[in-house]
N, C-alpha and C. Protein backbone atom coordinates (compact mmCIF):
# COMPACT_ATOMS: atom_id res chain seq x y z
N MET A 1 -0.72 -2.08 -23.38
CA MET A 1 0.14 -0.89 -22.83
C MET A 1 1.52 -1.25 -23.57
N LYS A 2 1.54 -0.21 -23.90
CA LYS A 2 3.33 -0.38 -24.83
C LYS A 2 3.91 0.64 -24.12
N SER A 3 5.63 0.58 -24.06
CA SER A 3 6.22 1.19 -23.44
C SER A 3 7.24 1.64 -24.28
N SER A 4 7.87 2.78 -24.67
CA SER A 4 8.57 2.94 -25.58
C SER A 4 10.10 4.10 -25.11
N VAL A 5 11.12 3.55 -25.12
CA VAL A 5 12.38 4.04 -24.52
C VAL A 5 13.12 4.63 -26.00
N ILE A 6 12.95 6.02 -25.83
CA ILE A 6 13.45 7.19 -27.09
C ILE A 6 14.84 7.11 -26.56
N TYR A 7 16.09 7.06 -26.93
CA TYR A 7 17.40 7.63 -27.15
C TYR A 7 17.76 8.52 -28.03
N SER A 8 17.90 9.85 -27.97
CA SER A 8 18.22 10.75 -29.27
C SER A 8 19.57 11.48 -29.42
N PRO A 9 20.67 10.13 -29.37
CA PRO A 9 21.98 11.09 -29.00
C PRO A 9 22.47 12.69 -29.97
N GLY A 10 22.85 13.37 -29.85
CA GLY A 10 23.48 14.45 -30.55
C GLY A 10 24.50 15.32 -29.78
N LYS A 11 24.89 16.34 -31.35
CA LYS A 11 26.17 16.98 -30.90
C LYS A 11 25.48 17.90 -29.79
N GLY A 12 26.39 17.90 -28.12
CA GLY A 12 25.70 18.83 -27.28
C GLY A 12 24.31 18.73 -26.45
N ILE A 13 23.58 17.01 -27.06
CA ILE A 13 21.88 17.08 -26.45
C ILE A 13 22.88 15.34 -26.63
N GLY A 14 21.29 15.49 -25.76
CA GLY A 14 20.75 13.77 -25.19
C GLY A 14 19.95 14.09 -24.67
N PHE A 15 18.56 12.59 -25.20
CA PHE A 15 17.34 13.18 -25.24
C PHE A 15 16.67 11.86 -25.01
N VAL A 16 16.20 11.59 -23.52
CA VAL A 16 15.40 10.41 -23.41
C VAL A 16 13.81 10.42 -23.13
N SER A 17 13.17 9.83 -23.70
CA SER A 17 11.81 9.68 -23.55
C SER A 17 11.28 8.55 -22.80
N ILE A 18 10.67 8.52 -21.86
CA ILE A 18 9.79 7.51 -22.08
C ILE A 18 8.29 7.86 -21.99
N ILE A 19 8.10 6.84 -22.65
CA ILE A 19 6.28 8.04 -22.74
C ILE A 19 5.58 5.94 -22.91
N ARG A 20 4.49 6.11 -21.68
CA ARG A 20 3.30 4.58 -21.86
C ARG A 20 2.27 4.74 -22.80
N GLU A 21 2.32 4.33 -23.72
CA GLU A 21 0.52 4.54 -24.75
C GLU A 21 -0.13 3.97 -23.65
N THR A 22 -0.67 4.96 -23.52
CA THR A 22 -2.28 4.45 -22.68
C THR A 22 -3.79 5.38 -23.76
N ASN A 23 -4.84 5.21 -22.89
CA ASN A 23 -5.54 5.85 -23.65
C ASN A 23 -6.09 7.36 -22.59
N MET A 24 -5.31 7.07 -21.59
CA MET A 24 -5.64 8.15 -20.63
C MET A 24 -4.77 9.23 -21.00
N PRO A 25 -4.45 10.48 -21.14
CA PRO A 25 -3.52 11.41 -20.70
C PRO A 25 -2.60 11.86 -19.58
N LYS A 26 -1.82 11.46 -19.41
CA LYS A 26 -0.90 11.59 -18.38
C LYS A 26 0.37 13.18 -18.54
N THR A 27 0.33 13.72 -17.46
CA THR A 27 1.57 14.76 -17.47
C THR A 27 2.78 14.05 -17.62
N GLN A 28 3.62 14.87 -18.65
CA GLN A 28 4.73 14.40 -18.28
C GLN A 28 5.44 15.02 -17.61
N LYS A 29 6.42 14.32 -16.94
CA LYS A 29 7.27 14.75 -16.29
C LYS A 29 9.29 15.21 -16.69
N GLU A 30 9.93 16.06 -15.99
CA GLU A 30 10.63 16.06 -16.78
C GLU A 30 12.16 16.30 -15.89
N LEU A 31 13.09 15.75 -16.81
CA LEU A 31 14.62 15.93 -16.20
C LEU A 31 15.86 16.50 -16.68
N SER A 32 16.50 17.29 -15.82
CA SER A 32 17.51 17.66 -17.03
C SER A 32 18.83 17.39 -16.54
N LEU A 33 20.55 18.03 -16.80
CA LEU A 33 21.23 17.89 -16.66
C LEU A 33 22.09 18.80 -16.99
N LEU A 34 22.56 19.74 -16.67
CA LEU A 34 23.82 20.38 -17.57
C LEU A 34 24.76 19.85 -17.38
N LYS A 35 25.96 19.48 -18.30
CA LYS A 35 27.07 19.00 -18.27
C LYS A 35 28.16 19.96 -19.13
N GLY A 36 28.89 21.17 -18.51
CA GLY A 36 29.16 21.80 -19.54
C GLY A 36 28.70 22.59 -20.91
N THR A 37 29.01 21.78 -21.75
CA THR A 37 28.31 22.68 -22.90
C THR A 37 27.01 21.64 -23.21
N GLN A 38 27.21 20.45 -22.40
CA GLN A 38 26.09 19.10 -23.28
C GLN A 38 24.41 19.62 -22.61
N LYS A 39 23.78 19.10 -22.32
CA LYS A 39 22.29 19.04 -21.77
C LYS A 39 21.82 17.80 -22.17
N PHE A 40 21.54 16.91 -21.39
CA PHE A 40 20.38 15.84 -21.21
C PHE A 40 18.99 16.27 -20.40
N LEU A 41 18.28 15.66 -21.34
CA LEU A 41 16.80 16.11 -21.12
C LEU A 41 15.89 14.80 -20.90
N PHE A 42 15.55 14.22 -20.27
CA PHE A 42 14.99 13.22 -19.72
C PHE A 42 13.34 13.60 -19.27
N ARG A 43 12.54 12.86 -20.81
CA ARG A 43 10.80 13.51 -20.37
C ARG A 43 10.29 11.85 -19.98
N TYR A 44 9.34 11.90 -18.90
CA TYR A 44 8.83 10.65 -18.62
C TYR A 44 7.32 10.98 -18.20
N GLU A 45 6.62 9.57 -18.09
CA GLU A 45 5.40 10.10 -17.69
C GLU A 45 5.14 9.23 -16.31
N PRO A 46 4.29 9.58 -15.07
CA PRO A 46 4.22 9.33 -13.84
C PRO A 46 3.89 7.72 -13.41
N GLY A 47 4.56 7.33 -13.09
CA GLY A 47 4.93 5.82 -12.98
C GLY A 47 5.68 5.01 -13.83
N ASN A 48 6.35 5.76 -14.42
CA ASN A 48 7.76 5.11 -15.05
C ASN A 48 8.56 5.81 -14.65
N GLU A 49 9.07 5.69 -13.60
CA GLU A 49 10.45 5.91 -12.76
C GLU A 49 11.42 5.39 -12.58
N GLU A 50 10.62 3.52 -12.66
CA GLU A 50 11.75 2.61 -12.78
C GLU A 50 12.23 2.68 -14.31
N GLU A 51 11.70 2.89 -15.27
CA GLU A 51 12.38 2.85 -16.60
C GLU A 51 13.37 3.70 -16.83
N ILE A 52 12.98 5.20 -15.85
CA ILE A 52 13.72 5.94 -16.73
C ILE A 52 15.21 5.78 -15.62
N LEU A 53 14.94 5.57 -14.65
CA LEU A 53 16.53 5.04 -13.73
C LEU A 53 17.16 3.94 -14.46
N ASP A 54 16.20 2.63 -15.46
CA ASP A 54 16.92 1.69 -16.98
C ASP A 54 18.11 2.41 -17.81
N ALA A 55 17.27 3.80 -17.51
CA ALA A 55 17.85 4.57 -18.68
C ALA A 55 18.68 4.94 -18.11
N PHE A 56 19.31 5.45 -17.47
CA PHE A 56 20.23 6.00 -16.90
C PHE A 56 21.38 5.00 -16.56
N VAL A 57 21.06 3.73 -16.57
CA VAL A 57 22.29 2.66 -15.86
C VAL A 57 22.24 2.61 -17.40
N ASP A 58 21.38 2.38 -18.87
CA ASP A 58 22.22 2.02 -19.76
C ASP A 58 22.98 3.16 -20.49
N MET A 59 22.62 4.32 -19.83
CA MET A 59 23.29 5.24 -20.96
C MET A 59 25.30 5.84 -20.09
N ALA A 60 25.16 5.00 -18.98
CA ALA A 60 25.72 5.33 -18.14
C ALA A 60 27.22 3.87 -18.24
N HIS A 61 26.50 2.88 -18.92
CA HIS A 61 26.74 1.77 -19.00
C HIS A 61 28.02 1.93 -20.76
N ASP A 62 27.27 2.67 -21.46
CA ASP A 62 27.38 3.20 -22.40
C ASP A 62 28.86 4.21 -22.19
N ARG A 63 30.50 3.55 -23.04
CA ARG A 63 31.24 4.07 -23.17
C ARG A 63 31.71 4.85 -24.46
N ASN A 64 30.39 4.99 -25.16
CA ASN A 64 30.36 5.84 -26.80
C ASN A 64 29.96 7.61 -26.10
N GLN A 65 29.07 7.22 -24.66
CA GLN A 65 28.15 8.49 -24.22
C GLN A 65 28.86 9.19 -23.13
N ASP A 66 29.33 10.43 -23.30
CA ASP A 66 29.48 11.53 -21.94
C ASP A 66 28.93 11.28 -20.78
N PHE A 67 28.07 10.60 -20.85
CA PHE A 67 27.33 10.41 -19.46
C PHE A 67 27.88 8.95 -18.32
N ASP A 68 27.82 9.50 -17.00
CA ASP A 68 28.93 8.64 -16.25
C ASP A 68 27.87 8.52 -15.31
N TRP A 69 28.28 7.61 -14.30
CA TRP A 69 28.15 7.38 -13.27
C TRP A 69 27.58 8.37 -12.19
N PHE A 70 28.24 9.42 -12.31
CA PHE A 70 28.38 10.27 -11.84
C PHE A 70 26.77 11.23 -11.85
N ASP A 71 27.00 11.00 -13.38
CA ASP A 71 25.59 12.05 -13.60
C ASP A 71 24.06 11.08 -13.72
N ALA A 72 24.58 9.70 -13.39
CA ALA A 72 23.83 8.99 -13.19
C ALA A 72 22.87 9.08 -11.28
N ALA A 73 23.89 9.29 -10.75
CA ALA A 73 23.50 9.76 -9.15
C ALA A 73 22.54 10.91 -9.28
N VAL A 74 23.27 11.86 -10.13
CA VAL A 74 22.99 13.57 -9.42
C VAL A 74 21.49 13.45 -10.08
N LEU A 75 20.83 12.42 -11.46
CA LEU A 75 19.87 12.40 -12.05
C LEU A 75 18.77 11.58 -11.07
N SER A 76 19.14 10.58 -10.00
CA SER A 76 18.36 9.76 -9.27
C SER A 76 18.05 10.24 -8.44
N PHE A 77 18.89 11.03 -7.68
CA PHE A 77 18.78 11.93 -6.76
C PHE A 77 17.67 12.88 -6.79
N GLN A 78 17.84 13.48 -8.08
CA GLN A 78 16.62 14.58 -8.60
C GLN A 78 15.44 13.67 -8.52
N LEU A 79 14.69 12.61 -9.56
CA LEU A 79 13.77 11.53 -9.16
C LEU A 79 13.71 11.32 -7.36
N SER A 80 14.37 11.12 -6.95
CA SER A 80 13.83 11.00 -5.87
C SER A 80 13.49 12.05 -4.64
N LYS A 81 13.99 12.82 -4.90
CA LYS A 81 13.76 13.88 -4.21
C LYS A 81 12.12 14.76 -4.99
N ASN A 82 11.62 14.78 -6.31
CA ASN A 82 10.98 14.78 -6.67
C ASN A 82 9.59 13.96 -6.10
N LEU A 83 10.06 12.91 -6.07
CA LEU A 83 9.00 11.57 -5.47
C LEU A 83 8.46 12.17 -4.14
N VAL A 84 9.58 12.67 -3.39
CA VAL A 84 9.41 12.73 -2.10
C VAL A 84 8.77 14.42 -1.66
N ASP A 85 9.11 14.89 -2.51
CA ASP A 85 8.61 16.25 -2.39
C ASP A 85 6.74 15.89 -3.35
N GLU A 86 6.47 15.24 -3.71
CA GLU A 86 5.26 14.96 -4.29
C GLU A 86 4.36 14.26 -3.39
N ALA A 87 4.77 13.24 -2.53
CA ALA A 87 4.74 12.47 -1.37
C ALA A 87 3.99 13.23 -0.52
N ASP A 88 4.70 14.35 -0.06
CA ASP A 88 4.83 14.79 1.17
C ASP A 88 3.98 15.99 1.00
N GLU A 89 3.20 16.18 -0.62
CA GLU A 89 2.51 17.03 -1.01
C GLU A 89 1.33 16.43 -0.72
N LEU A 90 0.98 15.32 -0.89
CA LEU A 90 -0.15 14.37 -1.35
C LEU A 90 -0.33 14.32 0.22
N LEU A 91 0.20 13.85 0.99
CA LEU A 91 -0.38 13.78 2.62
C LEU A 91 -0.35 15.25 3.35
N GLY A 92 -0.09 16.47 2.64
CA GLY A 92 0.08 17.54 3.63
C GLY A 92 1.18 17.79 4.51
N LEU A 93 2.17 17.14 3.98
CA LEU A 93 3.66 17.45 4.95
C LEU A 93 4.04 18.25 4.42
N LYS A 94 4.16 18.95 3.30
CA LYS A 94 4.93 20.07 2.59
C LYS A 94 4.19 21.13 3.73
N LYS A 95 5.58 22.11 3.26
CA LYS A 95 5.43 23.24 4.19
C LYS A 95 4.93 24.29 2.85
N SER A 96 4.34 25.09 3.69
CA SER A 96 3.58 26.16 2.19
C SER A 96 4.23 27.55 2.12
N ALA A 97 4.01 28.63 2.02
CA ALA A 97 4.56 29.68 1.92
C ALA A 97 3.32 30.61 1.84
N GLU A 98 2.30 30.36 1.77
CA GLU A 98 1.20 30.55 2.03
C GLU A 98 0.47 30.50 3.13
N LYS A 99 1.10 29.41 4.01
CA LYS A 99 0.53 28.92 5.17
C LYS A 99 1.10 29.92 6.76
N SER A 100 0.08 30.17 7.20
CA SER A 100 0.39 31.39 8.27
C SER A 100 0.78 30.13 9.33
N PRO A 101 1.48 30.25 10.41
CA PRO A 101 1.91 29.24 11.10
C PRO A 101 0.91 28.65 12.24
N ALA A 102 -0.22 29.19 12.48
CA ALA A 102 -1.28 28.90 13.20
C ALA A 102 -1.82 27.66 12.33
N GLU A 103 -1.88 27.62 11.07
CA GLU A 103 -2.32 26.24 9.89
C GLU A 103 -1.99 25.41 10.03
N ALA A 104 -0.74 25.56 10.01
CA ALA A 104 0.75 24.99 10.44
C ALA A 104 0.36 23.07 11.11
N PRO A 105 0.17 21.96 10.39
CA PRO A 105 -0.16 20.74 11.79
C PRO A 105 1.07 20.98 13.20
N PRO A 106 0.30 20.68 14.22
CA PRO A 106 0.90 20.84 15.45
C PRO A 106 2.73 20.14 15.13
N TRP A 107 2.66 18.92 14.32
CA TRP A 107 4.49 18.58 14.64
C TRP A 107 5.28 19.07 13.48
N LEU A 108 4.78 20.11 13.67
CA LEU A 108 5.65 20.84 12.06
C LEU A 108 6.73 22.01 12.60
């Protein structure tokens, strides 16, 4: 299995893609950050969250980028929130607008 990190800086946009080459297709996830006139877009496959966090750190360390530690913290929070939401959904803990109060688990 091969993992690749691609960072493509450009005027007004930063793009990071972390793809792990396998025979099985996976759904890509995406995080984005709008900062003034700039847009940072991060695409990754489920299971590559550690690599995307490493990319945030590398970009925040790079003084030539307009991506700072606050930006890394905001995106890390988004990533964590997405993971918690996915876990809640898998466990059946996420409230759904379609459920009536009678269908909701008793602990909610």
